[in-house]
Amino acid sequence: MKILITLMCITGFALLAGCNTVKGMGQDLQKAGEKIESSVKK
């Protein structure tokens, strides 16, 4: 259980560091959603 929590924390920190801000993370998620939506429409 401790390993799972540790991995989740590391993943969360990596995501936040990758986009630098919460706003940036929201934009990243929006772009990912748009790509998924466009691939579904094809």
N, C-alpha and C. Protein backbone atom coordinates (compact mmCIF):
# COMPACT_ATOMS: atom_id res chain seq x y z
N MET A 1 0.83 -1.20 0.00
CA MET A 1 0.00 0.00 0.00
C MET A 1 0.87 1.26 0.00
N LYS A 2 1.96 1.24 0.76
CA LYS A 2 2.85 2.40 0.80
C LYS A 2 3.48 2.65 -0.56
N ILE A 3 3.77 1.57 -1.28
CA ILE A 3 4.38 1.71 -2.61
C ILE A 3 3.39 2.39 -3.56
N LEU A 4 2.13 1.99 -3.50
CA LEU A 4 1.10 2.59 -4.36
C LEU A 4 0.94 4.08 -4.08
N ILE A 5 0.90 4.46 -2.84
CA ILE A 5 0.76 5.87 -2.47
C ILE A 5 1.99 6.66 -2.94
N THR A 6 3.16 6.07 -2.76
CA THR A 6 4.39 6.73 -3.19
C THR A 6 4.40 6.94 -4.70
N LEU A 7 4.01 5.92 -5.44
CA LEU A 7 3.96 6.05 -6.91
C LEU A 7 2.95 7.10 -7.35
N MET A 8 1.81 7.16 -6.68
CA MET A 8 0.80 8.15 -7.02
C MET A 8 1.32 9.56 -6.76
N CYS A 9 2.02 9.75 -5.65
CA CYS A 9 2.60 11.07 -5.33
C CYS A 9 3.66 11.46 -6.35
N ILE A 10 4.52 10.54 -6.70
CA ILE A 10 5.57 10.83 -7.69
C ILE A 10 4.95 11.20 -9.03
N THR A 11 3.93 10.45 -9.43
CA THR A 11 3.25 10.74 -10.70
C THR A 11 2.60 12.12 -10.66
N GLY A 12 1.95 12.45 -9.57
CA GLY A 12 1.31 13.76 -9.43
C GLY A 12 2.32 14.89 -9.49
N PHE A 13 3.43 14.73 -8.78
CA PHE A 13 4.47 15.77 -8.81
C PHE A 13 5.08 15.91 -10.21
N ALA A 14 5.27 14.79 -10.89
CA ALA A 14 5.83 14.84 -12.24
C ALA A 14 4.89 15.58 -13.19
N LEU A 15 3.60 15.32 -13.06
CA LEU A 15 2.63 16.02 -13.91
C LEU A 15 2.62 17.51 -13.63
N LEU A 16 2.66 17.88 -12.37
CA LEU A 16 2.65 19.30 -12.02
C LEU A 16 3.94 19.98 -12.46
N ALA A 17 5.06 19.30 -12.33
CA ALA A 17 6.34 19.88 -12.74
C ALA A 17 6.42 19.99 -14.25
N GLY A 18 5.80 19.05 -14.95
CA GLY A 18 5.85 19.04 -16.40
C GLY A 18 5.11 20.22 -17.02
N CYS A 19 4.02 20.62 -16.47
CA CYS A 19 3.26 21.73 -17.03
C CYS A 19 3.42 23.00 -16.21
N ASN A 20 4.11 22.90 -15.08
CA ASN A 20 4.55 24.04 -14.27
C ASN A 20 3.44 24.71 -13.45
N THR A 21 2.21 24.68 -13.88
CA THR A 21 1.13 25.31 -13.11
C THR A 21 -0.16 24.50 -13.25
N VAL A 22 -1.08 24.74 -12.38
CA VAL A 22 -2.38 24.08 -12.47
C VAL A 22 -3.10 24.51 -13.74
N LYS A 23 -2.97 25.77 -14.10
CA LYS A 23 -3.58 26.27 -15.34
C LYS A 23 -3.00 25.54 -16.54
N GLY A 24 -1.70 25.36 -16.53
CA GLY A 24 -1.04 24.63 -17.62
C GLY A 24 -1.51 23.19 -17.69
N MET A 25 -1.73 22.57 -16.52
CA MET A 25 -2.21 21.20 -16.50
C MET A 25 -3.61 21.13 -17.10
N GLY A 26 -4.44 22.12 -16.81
CA GLY A 26 -5.78 22.16 -17.39
C GLY A 26 -5.73 22.29 -18.90
N GLN A 27 -4.80 23.09 -19.39
CA GLN A 27 -4.65 23.24 -20.84
C GLN A 27 -4.15 21.94 -21.47
N ASP A 28 -3.22 21.26 -20.79
CA ASP A 28 -2.73 19.99 -21.30
C ASP A 28 -3.85 18.96 -21.39
N LEU A 29 -4.68 18.91 -20.36
CA LEU A 29 -5.81 17.97 -20.36
C LEU A 29 -6.81 18.31 -21.44
N GLN A 30 -7.03 19.61 -21.67
CA GLN A 30 -7.97 20.03 -22.70
C GLN A 30 -7.46 19.62 -24.08
N LYS A 31 -6.16 19.81 -24.33
CA LYS A 31 -5.58 19.41 -25.62
C LYS A 31 -5.66 17.91 -25.82
N ALA A 32 -5.42 17.14 -24.74
CA ALA A 32 -5.52 15.69 -24.84
C ALA A 32 -6.96 15.28 -25.16
N GLY A 33 -7.93 15.93 -24.54
CA GLY A 33 -9.33 15.65 -24.81
C GLY A 33 -9.72 15.98 -26.24
N GLU A 34 -9.19 17.07 -26.76
CA GLU A 34 -9.47 17.44 -28.15
C GLU A 34 -8.89 16.41 -29.12
N LYS A 35 -7.70 15.90 -28.84
CA LYS A 35 -7.09 14.89 -29.71
C LYS A 35 -7.91 13.60 -29.68
N ILE A 36 -8.37 13.22 -28.50
CA ILE A 36 -9.19 12.01 -28.38
C ILE A 36 -10.49 12.20 -29.14
N GLU A 37 -11.09 13.37 -28.98
CA GLU A 37 -12.36 13.66 -29.67
C GLU A 37 -12.18 13.63 -31.19
N SER A 38 -11.10 14.20 -31.68
CA SER A 38 -10.89 14.21 -33.13
C SER A 38 -10.61 12.81 -33.66
N SER A 39 -9.95 11.97 -32.87
CA SER A 39 -9.68 10.61 -33.32
C SER A 39 -10.95 9.77 -33.33
N VAL A 40 -11.88 10.08 -32.43
CA VAL A 40 -13.15 9.36 -32.38
C VAL A 40 -14.03 9.73 -33.58
N LYS A 41 -13.95 10.99 -34.00
CA LYS A 41 -14.77 11.46 -35.12
C LYS A 41 -14.34 10.87 -36.45
N LYS A 42 -13.06 10.45 -36.54
CA LYS A 42 -12.55 9.89 -37.81
C LYS A 42 -13.07 8.54 -38.12
